[in-house]
PDB file of N, CA and C in Angstrom:
ATOM      1  N   MET A   1      97.536 131.862 100.373  1.00  0.00           N
ATOM      2  CA  MET A   1      97.998 130.495 100.391  1.00  0.00           C
ATOM      3  C   MET A   1      97.016 129.648  99.583  1.00  0.00           C
ATOM      4  N   ILE A   2      97.531 128.766  98.788  1.00  0.00           N
ATOM      5  CA  ILE A   2      96.690 127.905  97.949  1.00  0.00           C
ATOM      6  C   ILE A   2      96.250 126.709  98.777  1.00  0.00           C
ATOM      7  N   SER A   3      94.974 126.408  98.698  1.00  0.00           N
ATOM      8  CA  SER A   3      94.460 125.277  99.479  1.00  0.00           C
ATOM      9  C   SER A   3      94.704 123.972  98.723  1.00  0.00           C
ATOM     10  N   TYR A   4      94.549 122.902  99.452  1.00  0.00           N
ATOM     11  CA  TYR A   4      94.770 121.560  98.895  1.00  0.00           C
ATOM     12  C   TYR A   4      93.787 121.283  97.765  1.00  0.00           C
ATOM     13  N   ASP A   5      92.530 121.682  97.946  1.00  0.00           N
ATOM     14  CA  ASP A   5      91.516 121.434  96.922  1.00  0.00           C
ATOM     15  C   ASP A   5      91.835 122.164  95.623  1.00  0.00           C
ATOM     16  N   GLU A   6      92.365 123.378  95.727  1.00  0.00           N
ATOM     17  CA  GLU A   6      92.728 124.131  94.531  1.00  0.00           C
ATOM     18  C   GLU A   6      93.883 123.458  93.786  1.00  0.00           C
ATOM     19  N   VAL A   7      94.836 122.930  94.530  1.00  0.00           N
ATOM     20  CA  VAL A   7      95.965 122.243  93.904  1.00  0.00           C
ATOM     21  C   VAL A   7      95.485 120.995  93.171  1.00  0.00           C
ATOM     22  N   VAL A   8      94.604 120.220  93.807  1.00  0.00           N
ATOM     23  CA  VAL A   8      94.058 119.021  93.175  1.00  0.00           C
ATOM     24  C   VAL A   8      93.297 119.398  91.907  1.00  0.00           C
ATOM     25  N   LYS A   9      92.520 120.464  91.971  1.00  0.00           N
ATOM     26  CA  LYS A   9      91.764 120.924  90.809  1.00  0.00           C
ATOM     27  C   LYS A   9      92.699 121.347  89.680  1.00  0.00           C
ATOM     28  N   MET A  10      93.789 122.043  90.010  1.00  0.00           N
ATOM     29  CA  MET A  10      94.749 122.471  88.990  1.00  0.00           C
ATOM     30  C   MET A  10      95.405 121.265  88.334  1.00  0.00           C
ATOM     31  N   ILE A  11      95.726 120.251  89.114  1.00  0.00           N
ATOM     32  CA  ILE A  11      96.359 119.053  88.550  1.00  0.00           C
ATOM     33  C   ILE A  11      95.395 118.339  87.614  1.00  0.00           C
ATOM     34  N   LYS A  12      94.147 118.205  88.012  1.00  0.00           N
ATOM     35  CA  LYS A  12      93.155 117.545  87.149  1.00  0.00           C
ATOM     36  C   LYS A  12      92.962 118.316  85.856  1.00  0.00           C
ATOM     37  N   GLU A  13      92.903 119.638  85.929  1.00  0.00           N
ATOM     38  CA  GLU A  13      92.738 120.446  84.723  1.00  0.00           C
ATOM     39  C   GLU A  13      93.951 120.315  83.805  1.00  0.00           C
ATOM     40  N   SER A  14      95.144 120.278  84.374  1.00  0.00           N
ATOM     41  CA  SER A  14      96.337 120.150  83.532  1.00  0.00           C
ATOM     42  C   SER A  14      96.376 118.785  82.851  1.00  0.00           C
ATOM     43  N   ASN A  15      95.957 117.729  83.542  1.00  0.00           N
ATOM     44  CA  ASN A  15      95.901 116.405  82.912  1.00  0.00           C
ATOM     45  C   ASN A  15      94.884 116.379  81.789  1.00  0.00           C
ATOM     46  N   GLU A  16      93.749 117.046  81.970  1.00  0.00           N
ATOM     47  CA  GLU A  16      92.739 117.100  80.911  1.00  0.00           C
ATOM     48  C   GLU A  16      93.285 117.866  79.706  1.00  0.00           C
ATOM     49  N   LYS A  17      94.035 118.933  79.943  1.00  0.00           N
ATOM     50  CA  LYS A  17      94.613 119.696  78.840  1.00  0.00           C
ATOM     51  C   LYS A  17      95.625 118.860  78.068  1.00  0.00           C
ATOM     52  N   VAL A  18      96.420 118.070  78.782  1.00  0.00           N
ATOM     53  CA  VAL A  18      97.394 117.197  78.117  1.00  0.00           C
ATOM     54  C   VAL A  18      96.675 116.189  77.246  1.00  0.00           C
ATOM     55  N   ASP A  19      95.597 115.606  77.770  1.00  0.00           N
ATOM     56  CA  ASP A  19      94.832 114.642  76.982  1.00  0.00           C
ATOM     57  C   ASP A  19      94.233 115.294  75.740  1.00  0.00           C
ATOM     58  N   GLU A  20      93.756 116.538  75.871  1.00  0.00           N
ATOM     59  CA  GLU A  20      93.192 117.235  74.715  1.00  0.00           C
ATOM     60  C   GLU A  20      94.261 117.493  73.657  1.00  0.00           C
ATOM     61  N   VAL A  21      95.437 117.905  74.078  1.00  0.00           N
ATOM     62  CA  VAL A  21      96.523 118.177  73.126  1.00  0.00           C
ATOM     63  C   VAL A  21      96.944 116.888  72.425  1.00  0.00           C
ATOM     64  N   LEU A  22      97.058 115.797  73.177  1.00  0.00           N
ATOM     65  CA  LEU A  22      97.438 114.528  72.562  1.00  0.00           C
ATOM     66  C   LEU A  22      96.371 114.049  71.592  1.00  0.00           C
ATOM     67  N   LYS A  23      95.119 114.238  71.951  1.00  0.00           N
ATOM     68  CA  LYS A  23      94.031 113.830  71.066  1.00  0.00           C
ATOM     69  C   LYS A  23      94.053 114.672  69.789  1.00  0.00           C
ATOM     70  N   ALA A  24      94.340 115.959  69.916  1.00  0.00           N
ATOM     71  CA  ALA A  24      94.402 116.829  68.744  1.00  0.00           C
ATOM     72  C   ALA A  24      95.557 116.420  67.836  1.00  0.00           C
ATOM     73  N   ALA A  25      96.636 115.956  68.419  1.00  0.00           N
ATOM     74  CA  ALA A  25      97.792 115.526  67.629  1.00  0.00           C
ATOM     75  C   ALA A  25      97.683 114.054  67.229  1.00  0.00           C
ATOM     76  N   ARG A  26      96.575 113.418  67.607  1.00  0.00           N
ATOM     77  CA  ARG A  26      96.322 112.000  67.318  1.00  0.00           C
ATOM     78  C   ARG A  26      97.413 111.111  67.898  1.00  0.00           C
ATOM     79  N   LEU A  27      97.811 111.444  69.099  1.00  0.00           N
ATOM     80  CA  LEU A  27      98.795 110.643  69.817  1.00  0.00           C
ATOM     81  C   LEU A  27      98.121 110.011  71.025  1.00  0.00           C
ATOM     82  N   GLU A  28      98.746 109.015  71.576  1.00  0.00           N
ATOM     83  CA  GLU A  28      98.233 108.369  72.774  1.00  0.00           C
ATOM     84  C   GLU A  28      99.248 108.531  73.889  1.00  0.00           C
ATOM     85  N   ARG A  29      98.746 108.514  75.082  1.00  0.00           N
ATOM     86  CA  ARG A  29      99.626 108.594  76.246  1.00  0.00           C
ATOM     87  C   ARG A  29     100.065 107.176  76.607  1.00  0.00           C
ATOM     88  N   HIS A  30     101.367 106.990  76.685  1.00  0.00           N
ATOM     89  CA  HIS A  30     101.905 105.678  77.033  1.00  0.00           C
ATOM     90  C   HIS A  30     102.644 105.801  78.357  1.00  0.00           C
ATOM     91  N   GLU A  31     102.280 104.958  79.274  1.00  0.00           N
ATOM     92  CA  GLU A  31     102.964 104.955  80.558  1.00  0.00           C
ATOM     93  C   GLU A  31     104.316 104.273  80.383  1.00  0.00           C
ATOM     94  N   ARG A  32     105.338 104.825  81.022  1.00  0.00           N
ATOM     95  CA  ARG A  32     106.661 104.211  80.948  1.00  0.00           C
ATOM     96  C   ARG A  32     106.677 102.952  81.791  1.00  0.00           C
ATOM     97  N   GLN A  33     107.243 101.931  81.229  1.00  0.00           N
ATOM     98  CA  GLN A  33     107.364 100.671  81.960  1.00  0.00           C
ATOM     99  C   GLN A  33     108.823 100.473  82.329  1.00  0.00           C
ATOM    100  N   PRO A  34     109.070  99.885  83.485  1.00  0.00           N
ATOM    101  CA  PRO A  34     110.463  99.653  83.869  1.00  0.00           C
ATOM    102  C   PRO A  34     111.127  98.654  82.922  1.00  0.00           C
ATOM    103  N   MET A  35     112.436  98.782  82.812  1.00  0.00           N
ATOM    104  CA  MET A  35     113.198  97.894  81.941  1.00  0.00           C
ATOM    105  C   MET A  35     113.115  96.470  82.477  1.00  0.00           C
ATOM    106  N   SER A  36     112.935  95.515  81.582  1.00  0.00           N
ATOM    107  CA  SER A  36     112.878  94.126  82.013  1.00  0.00           C
ATOM    108  C   SER A  36     114.254  93.670  82.495  1.00  0.00           C
ATOM    109  N   TYR A  37     114.254  92.667  83.330  1.00  0.00           N
ATOM    110  CA  TYR A  37     115.507  92.167  83.893  1.00  0.00           C
ATOM    111  C   TYR A  37     116.417  91.633  82.796  1.00  0.00           C
ATOM    112  N   GLU A  38     115.839  90.963  81.801  1.00  0.00           N
ATOM    113  CA  GLU A  38     116.647  90.396  80.719  1.00  0.00           C
ATOM    114  C   GLU A  38     117.327  91.494  79.904  1.00  0.00           C
ATOM    115  N   ARG A  39     116.593  92.572  79.628  1.00  0.00           N
ATOM    116  CA  ARG A  39     117.192  93.669  78.868  1.00  0.00           C
ATOM    117  C   ARG A  39     118.273  94.371  79.691  1.00  0.00           C
ATOM    118  N   TYR A  40     118.019  94.536  80.983  1.00  0.00           N
ATOM    119  CA  TYR A  40     119.000  95.143  81.888  1.00  0.00           C
ATOM    120  C   TYR A  40     120.273  94.305  81.925  1.00  0.00           C
ATOM    121  N   LYS A  41     120.106  92.989  82.046  1.00  0.00           N
ATOM    122  CA  LYS A  41     121.251  92.087  82.092  1.00  0.00           C
ATOM    123  C   LYS A  41     122.023  92.137  80.767  1.00  0.00           C
ATOM    124  N   PHE A  42     121.298  92.151  79.641  1.00  0.00           N
ATOM    125  CA  PHE A  42     121.953  92.232  78.338  1.00  0.00           C
ATOM    126  C   PHE A  42     122.765  93.515  78.216  1.00  0.00           C
ATOM    127  N   THR A  43     122.196  94.640  78.672  1.00  0.00           N
ATOM    128  CA  THR A  43     122.895  95.919  78.591  1.00  0.00           C
ATOM    129  C   THR A  43     124.169  95.905  79.427  1.00  0.00           C
ATOM    130  N   LEU A  44     124.089  95.366  80.633  1.00  0.00           N
ATOM    131  CA  LEU A  44     125.281  95.310  81.477  1.00  0.00           C
ATOM    132  C   LEU A  44     126.346  94.390  80.887  1.00  0.00           C
ATOM    133  N   TYR A  45     125.930  93.248  80.340  1.00  0.00           N
ATOM    134  CA  TYR A  45     126.893  92.343  79.710  1.00  0.00           C
ATOM    135  C   TYR A  45     127.535  92.998  78.488  1.00  0.00           C
ATOM    136  N   PHE A  46     126.762  93.756  77.727  1.00  0.00           N
ATOM    137  CA  PHE A  46     127.298  94.447  76.561  1.00  0.00           C
ATOM    138  C   PHE A  46     128.366  95.455  76.981  1.00  0.00           C
ATOM    139  N   ILE A  47     128.071  96.247  78.012  1.00  0.00           N
ATOM    140  CA  ILE A  47     129.033  97.237  78.499  1.00  0.00           C
ATOM    141  C   ILE A  47     130.285  96.544  79.027  1.00  0.00           C
ATOM    142  N   ALA A  48     130.105  95.457  79.782  1.00  0.00           N
ATOM    143  CA  ALA A  48     131.258  94.727  80.310  1.00  0.00           C
ATOM    144  C   ALA A  48     132.098  94.143  79.168  1.00  0.00           C
ATOM    145  N   GLY A  49     131.450  93.659  78.126  1.00  0.00           N
ATOM    146  CA  GLY A  49     132.169  93.114  76.972  1.00  0.00           C
ATOM    147  C   GLY A  49     132.972  94.172  76.242  1.00  0.00           C
ATOM    148  N   MET A  50     132.380  95.358  76.093  1.00  0.00           N
ATOM    149  CA  MET A  50     133.103  96.439  75.427  1.00  0.00           C
ATOM    150  C   MET A  50     134.329  96.862  76.241  1.00  0.00           C
ATOM    151  N   ILE A  51     134.173  96.956  77.543  1.00  0.00           N
ATOM    152  CA  ILE A  51     135.309  97.316  78.395  1.00  0.00           C
ATOM    153  C   ILE A  51     136.386  96.241  78.326  1.00  0.00           C
ATOM    154  N   ALA A  52     135.980  94.973  78.329  1.00  0.00           N
ATOM    155  CA  ALA A  52     136.950  93.879  78.239  1.00  0.00           C
ATOM    156  C   ALA A  52     137.704  93.923  76.910  1.00  0.00           C
ATOM    157  N   MET A  53     137.009  94.232  75.816  1.00  0.00           N
ATOM    158  CA  MET A  53     137.689  94.311  74.521  1.00  0.00           C
ATOM    159  C   MET A  53     138.691  95.459  74.500  1.00  0.00           C
ATOM    160  N   ILE A  54     138.305  96.597  75.035  1.00  0.00           N
ATOM    161  CA  ILE A  54     139.221  97.740  75.067  1.00  0.00           C
ATOM    162  C   ILE A  54     140.447  97.417  75.909  1.00  0.00           C
ATOM    163  N   MET A  55     140.225  96.817  77.075  1.00  0.00           N
ATOM    164  CA  MET A  55     141.358  96.473  77.935  1.00  0.00           C
ATOM    165  C   MET A  55     142.235  95.403  77.298  1.00  0.00           C
ATOM    166  N   GLY A  56     141.641  94.490  76.530  1.00  0.00           N
ATOM    167  CA  GLY A  56     142.420  93.480  75.818  1.00  0.00           C
ATOM    168  C   GLY A  56     143.314  94.107  74.763  1.00  0.00           C
ATOM    169  N   PHE A  57     142.765  95.073  74.027  1.00  0.00           N
ATOM    170  CA  PHE A  57     143.577  95.758  73.016  1.00  0.00           C
ATOM    171  C   PHE A  57     144.707  96.549  73.668  1.00  0.00           C
ATOM    172  N   VAL A  58     144.413  97.175  74.794  1.00  0.00           N
ATOM    173  CA  VAL A  58     145.451  97.924  75.504  1.00  0.00           C
ATOM    174  C   VAL A  58     146.545  96.979  75.990  1.00  0.00           C
ATOM    175  N   ALA A  59     146.155  95.822  76.535  1.00  0.00           N
ATOM    176  CA  ALA A  59     147.137  94.845  77.023  1.00  0.00           C
ATOM    177  C   ALA A  59     147.996  94.331  75.863  1.00  0.00           C
ATOM    178  N   ALA A  60     147.374  94.026  74.718  1.00  0.00           N
ATOM    179  CA  ALA A  60     148.137  93.554  73.558  1.00  0.00           C
ATOM    180  C   ALA A  60     149.095  94.633  73.069  1.00  0.00           C
ATOM    181  N   TYR A  61     148.650  95.882  73.054  1.00  0.00           N
ATOM    182  CA  TYR A  61     149.497  96.987  72.635  1.00  0.00           C
ATOM    183  C   TYR A  61     150.690  97.130  73.578  1.00  0.00           C
ATOM    184  N   MET A  62     150.436  97.000  74.887  1.00  0.00           N
ATOM    185  CA  MET A  62     151.524  97.138  75.850  1.00  0.00           C
ATOM    186  C   MET A  62     152.540  96.008  75.707  1.00  0.00           C
ATOM    187  N   VAL A  63     152.069  94.794  75.445  1.00  0.00           N
ATOM    188  CA  VAL A  63     152.997  93.667  75.271  1.00  0.00           C
ATOM    189  C   VAL A  63     153.879  93.923  74.045  1.00  0.00           C
ATOM    190  N   ILE A  64     153.269  94.347  72.945  1.00  0.00           N
ATOM    191  CA  ILE A  64     154.041  94.614  71.729  1.00  0.00           C
ATOM    192  C   ILE A  64     155.001  95.779  71.955  1.00  0.00           C
ATOM    193  N   TYR A  65     154.549  96.812  72.654  1.00  0.00           N
ATOM    194  CA  TYR A  65     155.371  97.982  72.892  1.00  0.00           C
ATOM    195  C   TYR A  65     156.600  97.628  73.735  1.00  0.00           C
ATOM    196  N   PHE A  66     156.393  96.893  74.834  1.00  0.00           N
ATOM    197  CA  PHE A  66     157.505  96.591  75.728  1.00  0.00           C
ATOM    198  C   PHE A  66     158.434  95.520  75.175  1.00  0.00           C
ATOM    199  N   MET A  67     157.941  94.676  74.258  1.00  0.00           N
ATOM    200  CA  MET A  67     158.838  93.695  73.637  1.00  0.00           C
ATOM    201  C   MET A  67     159.766  94.385  72.624  1.00  0.00           C
ATOM    202  N   GLY A  68     159.362  95.526  72.144  1.00  0.00           N
ATOM    203  CA  GLY A  68     160.186  96.250  71.153  1.00  0.00           C
ATOM    204  C   GLY A  68     161.283  97.063  71.765  1.00  0.00           C
ATOM    205  N   THR A  69     161.221  97.293  73.082  1.00  0.00           N
ATOM    206  CA  THR A  69     162.256  98.142  73.687  1.00  0.00           C
ATOM    207  C   THR A  69     163.401  97.333  74.245  1.00  0.00           C
TER     208      THR A  69
END
């Protein structure tokens, strides 16, 4: 059975290896930041707008289709 101390040591060693690989590739580690509320709101409004446009085209098509019959 692996002890808690060994697991902590393995995690620290793996983080050091990641840092070494990034340094060798001249990259930096960037922590992910949560999406801002404004960007989230913009994305939802964009999706809602696209759905509204599609439904509008479908409604216009149905009106034209049923007026022709």
